[in-house]
Protein backbone atom coordinates (compact mmCIF):
# COMPACT_ATOMS: atom_id res chain seq x y z
CA MET A 1 120.91 80.25 100.96
CA ASN A 2 120.94 79.92 104.74
CA ASN A 3 119.00 77.16 106.47
CA PHE A 4 115.50 77.99 107.68
CA SER A 5 112.53 76.22 109.23
CA TYR A 6 109.12 76.03 107.58
CA ILE A 7 105.61 75.90 109.00
CA GLN A 8 102.20 75.97 107.35
CA ALA A 9 99.65 78.06 109.23
CA ASP A 10 96.01 76.96 109.34
CA LYS A 11 94.69 80.08 111.07
CA ALA A 12 95.51 83.75 110.82
CA LYS A 13 96.27 84.06 114.54
CA GLU A 14 98.68 81.14 114.29
CA ALA A 15 100.56 82.84 111.46
CA THR A 16 100.70 86.30 113.00
CA ALA A 17 101.62 84.96 116.46
CA ALA A 18 104.49 82.96 114.96
CA LYS A 19 105.75 86.10 113.22
CA ARG A 20 105.43 88.11 116.45
CA ASP A 21 107.39 85.53 118.45
CA ASP A 22 110.18 85.05 115.90
CA LYS A 23 111.67 88.31 114.66
CA SER A 24 113.57 86.43 111.93
CA ALA A 25 110.39 84.94 110.45
CA ALA A 26 108.66 85.95 107.23
CA PHE A 27 105.33 85.15 105.62
CA VAL A 28 105.41 83.35 102.28
CA ALA A 29 102.58 82.94 99.75
CA GLY A 30 103.78 82.72 96.12
CA GLY A 31 107.37 83.37 97.17
CA THR A 32 108.24 84.86 93.78
CA ALA A 33 110.08 87.83 95.32
CA LEU A 34 111.01 86.58 98.78
CA ILE A 35 112.97 83.52 97.67
CA ASP A 36 115.06 85.63 95.26
CA LEU A 37 115.99 88.00 98.08
CA MET A 38 116.95 85.08 100.32
CA LYS A 39 119.12 83.56 97.59
CA LEU A 40 120.92 86.90 97.28
CA ASN A 41 121.37 87.08 101.09
CA VAL A 42 119.60 90.42 101.06
CA GLU A 43 117.06 88.91 103.44
CA ASN A 44 117.86 86.13 105.90
CA HIS A 45 114.93 84.48 107.67
CA GLY A 46 115.14 81.76 110.25
CA GLN A 47 111.58 80.67 109.59
CA LEU A 48 109.10 80.87 106.72
CA ILE A 49 105.41 80.87 107.58
CA ASP A 50 103.29 79.56 104.71
CA VAL A 51 99.98 81.46 104.68
CA ASN A 52 98.40 79.82 101.63
CA MET A 53 95.90 77.84 103.74
CA LEU A 54 94.43 81.01 105.29
CA PRO A 55 90.94 82.10 104.13
CA PHE A 56 92.04 85.36 102.49
CA ARG A 57 90.55 84.76 99.07
CA GLY A 58 87.59 85.91 97.04
CA ILE A 59 86.78 88.63 94.50
CA GLU A 60 83.42 90.25 95.15
CA MET A 61 81.59 93.54 94.98
CA THR A 62 80.52 94.88 98.37
CA LYS A 63 78.92 98.10 99.62
CA ASP A 64 82.44 99.53 100.01
CA GLY A 65 83.58 98.53 96.53
CA LEU A 66 85.49 95.60 95.09
CA ARG A 67 87.00 93.39 97.79
CA ILE A 68 89.95 91.20 96.77
CA GLY A 69 91.43 88.63 99.12
CA ALA A 70 95.15 89.15 99.65
CA LEU A 71 95.91 85.53 98.66
CA GLU A 72 94.24 85.78 95.28
CA ARG A 73 96.73 85.25 92.46
CA MET A 74 97.57 88.14 90.17
CA SER A 75 96.48 86.33 87.02
CA ASP A 76 93.06 85.43 88.44
CA VAL A 77 92.37 89.01 89.51
CA GLY A 78 93.63 90.51 86.27
CA GLU A 79 91.30 88.33 84.20
CA HIS A 80 88.26 88.57 86.46
CA PRO A 81 85.19 90.16 84.75
CA LEU A 82 84.40 92.41 87.74
CA VAL A 83 87.92 93.84 87.63
CA LYS A 84 88.13 94.22 83.86
CA GLN A 85 84.74 95.93 83.61
CA ASN A 86 84.82 98.21 86.66
CA PHE A 87 88.54 98.77 87.31
CA PRO A 88 90.37 98.41 83.98
CA ALA A 89 93.52 100.14 85.27
CA VAL A 90 93.90 97.42 87.91
CA SER A 91 93.40 94.64 85.37
CA GLU A 92 95.92 96.22 82.99
CA SER A 93 98.49 96.76 85.73
CA LEU A 94 98.31 93.08 86.66
CA LEU A 95 98.40 91.66 83.14
CA LEU A 96 101.33 93.89 82.15
CA ALA A 97 103.38 92.70 85.13
CA ALA A 98 106.04 89.98 85.14
CA SER A 99 105.47 86.80 83.12
CA ALA A 100 102.39 84.57 82.96
CA GLN A 101 104.15 81.97 85.11
CA LEU A 102 104.93 84.49 87.84
CA ARG A 103 101.43 85.98 87.72
CA ASN A 104 100.02 82.50 88.27
CA MET A 105 102.04 82.18 91.48
CA ALA A 106 102.30 85.69 92.93
CA SER A 107 99.68 86.83 95.46
CA MET A 108 98.04 90.23 95.58
CA GLY A 109 99.30 90.90 99.10
CA GLY A 110 102.83 89.86 98.19
CA ASN A 111 102.82 92.13 95.15
CA VAL A 112 101.97 95.14 97.31
CA LEU A 113 105.01 94.29 99.45
CA GLN A 114 107.55 94.06 96.63
CA ARG A 115 110.93 95.56 97.46
CA THR A 116 113.11 97.78 95.31
CA ARG A 117 115.00 96.52 92.28
CA CYS A 118 117.87 98.96 92.94
CA GLY A 119 121.03 97.08 92.03
CA TYR A 120 122.93 98.37 95.06
CA PHE A 121 120.22 97.09 97.41
CA ARG A 122 120.24 93.64 95.81
CA ASP A 123 124.04 93.27 95.71
CA THR A 124 125.46 92.81 99.20
CA ALA A 125 128.94 93.72 97.96
CA PHE A 126 127.78 97.34 98.04
CA PRO A 127 126.69 99.47 101.03
CA CYS A 128 123.00 100.38 101.14
CA ASN A 129 121.10 102.49 103.66
CA LYS A 130 117.91 100.57 102.94
CA ARG A 131 119.57 97.22 103.64
CA GLU A 132 122.00 98.41 106.35
CA PRO A 133 121.10 101.86 107.76
CA GLY A 134 123.99 104.29 107.97
CA THR A 135 126.25 102.60 105.42
CA GLY A 136 125.56 105.04 102.58
CA CYS A 137 123.83 105.21 99.20
CA PRO A 138 126.15 104.61 96.23
CA ALA A 139 123.24 105.20 93.84
CA LEU A 140 123.43 108.94 94.52
CA GLU A 141 126.52 109.21 92.32
CA GLY A 142 126.48 105.79 90.68
CA ASP A 143 124.13 103.92 88.36
CA ASN A 144 120.77 105.60 88.99
CA ARG A 145 119.13 105.24 85.56
CA ASN A 146 116.13 103.31 86.89
CA LEU A 147 115.77 105.10 90.21
CA ALA A 148 113.38 107.70 91.60
CA ILE A 149 113.10 111.42 90.89
CA LEU A 150 110.21 112.22 93.26
CA GLY A 151 110.09 111.84 97.04
CA THR A 152 113.75 110.93 97.40
CA SER A 153 116.18 111.97 100.14
CA GLU A 154 119.93 112.14 100.63
CA THR A 155 119.82 108.67 102.19
CA CYS A 156 117.97 106.84 99.39
CA ILE A 157 116.78 107.43 95.83
CA ALA A 158 115.36 103.97 95.13
CA THR A 159 111.95 103.40 93.62
CA SER A 160 111.01 101.45 96.73
CA TYR A 161 107.99 99.76 95.12
CA PRO A 162 109.02 98.67 91.60
CA GLY A 163 105.79 97.01 90.48
CA ASP A 164 102.61 97.98 88.67
CA LEU A 165 99.59 96.98 90.78
CA SER A 166 100.06 99.48 93.60
CA VAL A 167 100.33 102.36 91.16
CA ALA A 168 96.81 101.58 89.92
CA LEU A 169 95.59 100.98 93.48
CA THR A 170 97.02 104.35 94.53
CA ALA A 171 95.22 106.17 91.73
CA LEU A 172 91.91 104.51 92.63
CA ASP A 173 91.99 105.09 96.41
CA ALA A 174 92.33 101.45 97.42
CA VAL A 175 92.27 100.51 101.10
CA LEU A 176 94.26 97.65 102.67
CA THR A 177 92.86 95.56 105.51
CA LEU A 178 95.59 94.50 107.96
CA GLU A 179 95.24 91.96 110.79
CA ASN A 180 97.56 91.46 113.77
CA ALA A 181 98.32 88.62 116.20
CA LYS A 182 95.37 89.59 118.44
CA GLY A 183 92.97 89.23 115.52
CA LYS A 184 92.41 92.98 115.40
CA GLN A 185 91.98 94.53 111.96
CA ARG A 186 92.67 98.04 110.76
CA GLN A 187 92.02 99.80 107.46
CA VAL A 188 94.90 101.70 105.83
CA PRO A 189 94.48 103.70 102.61
CA ILE A 190 97.22 102.63 100.24
CA THR A 191 98.21 106.30 99.90
CA LYS A 192 99.19 106.11 103.61
CA PHE A 193 100.71 102.61 103.49
CA TYR A 194 104.08 103.34 101.89
CA LEU A 195 106.66 105.55 103.62
CA LEU A 196 109.05 107.99 102.00
CA PRO A 197 112.74 107.26 102.72
CA GLY A 198 113.56 110.43 104.68
CA THR A 199 116.27 109.43 107.15
CA THR A 200 114.86 105.91 107.65
CA PRO A 201 114.83 104.25 104.22
CA GLN A 202 114.88 100.80 105.83
CA ARG A 203 111.25 101.26 106.87
CA GLU A 204 109.20 101.03 103.69
CA ASN A 205 105.61 100.82 104.93
CA VAL A 206 103.42 101.00 108.03
CA LEU A 207 102.93 97.23 108.36
CA GLU A 208 103.78 96.15 111.90
CA ALA A 209 105.90 93.06 112.62
CA ASP A 210 102.91 90.84 113.47
CA GLU A 211 100.52 92.17 110.82
CA LEU A 212 99.33 90.45 107.68
CA ILE A 213 97.54 91.93 104.67
CA VAL A 214 94.09 90.35 104.58
CA ALA A 215 92.30 92.13 101.73
CA ILE A 216 92.32 95.01 99.28
CA THR A 217 89.18 97.12 98.74
CA ILE A 218 88.76 99.49 95.79
CA PRO A 219 85.87 102.02 95.84
CA GLN A 220 83.58 101.87 92.83
CA THR A 221 83.53 105.26 91.08
CA ALA A 222 82.95 106.67 87.63
CA ALA A 223 86.66 107.51 87.37
CA ALA A 224 87.58 103.91 88.28
CA ARG A 225 85.35 102.55 85.53
CA LYS A 226 87.00 104.90 83.03
CA SER A 227 90.61 104.21 83.96
CA LYS A 228 93.83 103.06 82.33
CA TYR A 229 97.31 101.85 83.22
CA LEU A 230 100.07 102.70 80.75
CA LYS A 231 103.56 101.24 81.14
CA VAL A 232 106.79 102.26 79.39
CA ARG A 233 109.69 99.81 79.63
CA ASP A 234 112.93 98.80 77.94
CA ARG A 235 111.36 95.78 76.29
CA SER A 236 107.77 94.76 75.61
CA SER A 237 107.61 91.81 78.00
CA TYR A 238 108.78 90.88 81.48
CA ALA A 239 110.39 94.19 82.42
CA TYR A 240 109.80 96.69 85.18
CA ALA A 241 108.49 100.12 84.26
CA LEU A 242 110.86 102.94 83.50
CA VAL A 243 107.77 105.10 83.84
CA SER A 244 104.09 104.24 84.22
CA ALA A 245 100.83 106.10 84.71
CA ALA A 246 97.51 105.05 86.21
CA VAL A 247 94.69 107.47 85.49
CA GLY A 248 90.94 107.69 85.83
CA LEU A 249 88.62 110.33 84.43
CA GLU A 250 84.96 111.24 84.65
CA VAL A 251 84.15 113.47 81.70
CA GLN A 252 80.76 115.11 81.12
CA GLY A 253 80.05 117.34 78.12
CA GLY A 254 83.74 117.52 77.31
CA THR A 255 84.66 118.76 80.81
CA VAL A 256 86.59 116.77 83.42
CA ARG A 257 84.40 116.26 86.52
CA ALA A 258 86.71 113.94 88.44
CA ALA A 259 90.29 112.79 87.97
CA ARG A 260 92.72 110.29 89.45
CA VAL A 261 96.45 110.38 88.68
CA ALA A 262 99.31 108.20 89.91
CA LEU A 263 102.78 107.57 88.52
CA GLY A 264 105.07 104.57 88.78
CA GLY A 265 108.80 104.20 88.17
CA VAL A 266 109.49 107.79 89.19
CA GLY A 267 108.71 107.98 92.89
CA ALA A 268 110.15 106.67 96.14
CA GLN A 269 106.64 105.22 96.50
CA PRO A 270 103.69 104.89 94.09
CA TRP A 271 103.25 108.58 93.34
CA ARG A 272 99.79 110.14 93.61
CA SER A 273 99.60 113.66 92.15
CA LEU A 274 96.81 115.62 93.79
CA GLU A 275 98.16 118.75 92.06
CA ALA A 276 97.55 117.20 88.64
CA GLU A 277 94.08 116.04 89.65
CA LYS A 278 93.12 119.50 90.87
CA ALA A 279 94.37 121.04 87.63
CA LEU A 280 92.23 118.65 85.58
CA VAL A 281 88.89 119.05 87.35
CA GLY A 282 86.63 121.64 85.75
CA GLN A 283 88.81 121.94 82.66
CA PRO A 284 88.15 120.79 79.08
CA ALA A 285 89.37 117.28 78.32
CA THR A 286 92.01 118.43 75.84
CA GLU A 287 95.68 117.74 75.29
CA ALA A 288 96.52 121.25 76.51
CA THR A 289 94.78 120.54 79.82
CA PHE A 290 96.52 117.19 80.14
CA ARG A 291 99.91 118.74 79.37
CA ALA A 292 99.42 121.39 82.07
CA ALA A 293 98.51 118.68 84.58
CA ALA A 294 101.60 116.67 83.63
CA GLU A 295 103.82 119.68 84.22
CA LEU A 296 102.42 119.99 87.74
CA ALA A 297 102.82 116.27 88.43
CA LEU A 298 106.57 116.44 87.73
CA ARG A 299 107.22 119.91 89.13
CA GLY A 300 109.05 118.65 92.22
CA ALA A 301 111.30 116.18 90.41
CA LYS A 302 114.94 115.96 91.53
CA PRO A 303 116.79 113.91 88.93
CA ARG A 304 120.32 112.55 89.18
CA GLU A 305 122.90 112.19 86.44
CA HIS A 306 121.41 109.18 84.65
CA ASN A 307 117.65 109.45 85.26
CA ALA A 308 116.78 112.98 84.15
CA TYR A 309 115.17 111.47 81.04
CA LYS A 310 112.32 110.29 83.27
CA ILE A 311 110.91 113.80 83.62
CA GLU A 312 109.86 114.19 79.98
CA MET A 313 109.06 110.49 79.66
CA ALA A 314 106.70 110.68 82.64
CA LYS A 315 105.01 113.81 81.31
CA ASN A 316 104.46 112.24 77.90
CA THR A 317 103.23 108.98 79.41
CA LEU A 318 100.72 110.80 81.58
CA VAL A 319 99.43 112.92 78.69
CA ARG A 320 99.05 109.82 76.54
CA ALA A 321 97.20 107.91 79.26
CA LEU A 322 94.80 110.78 79.92
CA SER A 323 94.20 111.28 76.19
CA GLU A 324 93.39 107.61 75.68
CA VAL A 325 90.94 107.56 78.57
CA ALA A 326 89.25 110.79 77.43
CA ALA A 327 88.91 109.42 73.91
């Protein structure tokens, strides 16, 4: 690992100003992902800015929904009664992620900013357009078993966000609060936060250089209260999803009145399927309806040699998640 300096920020403006003035700097909270990337020389930062002393904590219900401070730890949020009762998909996505030790360290804001687990990105012996634009994407013809089948481009097929939390947040219309070095805040729906690779896979989200995630707000809805996160992986603990589904349903008299659908492990970003949601609303809450919605959700898939299995796996996972919520 290369040498770096370390500072602990006491105020948000101090942290964001330091990041603005030093282009090599990075924020660190739990550090569970960042330090790994630095050890691999995938990321090299001249300065780490510790943000743990900043006042971005708290889990409370507001007029806009559930507000979660970006520095809250994953384990605390996942076990919180307000989250478990009103947003079960969020709780499940957190408690199914990583190991208990990592959940006790990792922050909510840091989790949202996780970077891809693509082996070519994390091994500097290989070229990678995401790590070094213009060098190529060996995953196109190489080992792409765990990579994306939706939203990809000829420059990158990575599942840019490999985690669980943001899939649930995407399904439930969460909004991120960002703050910059001038103390100005802006609200960004998580569905607009991540960027598809296109021709610029190195830019993964809309966060500006001097911005910090302050909070996450999740609207309180009937579909959020009746929601689920289902994760399929190679082993039952401490593994990233091959495929996952976050769903929410409002069912009245056997008919779907509102629906939320997002997929993980298959998209170049957490994948919201408005087509599937539209197909569900107004239809009977039956397996046939859920199967038709799943077909629409995967209609645009573009698999490669080793990840075509994800199409049927994603369909089946989505049908199972919807069936369990409806039941």
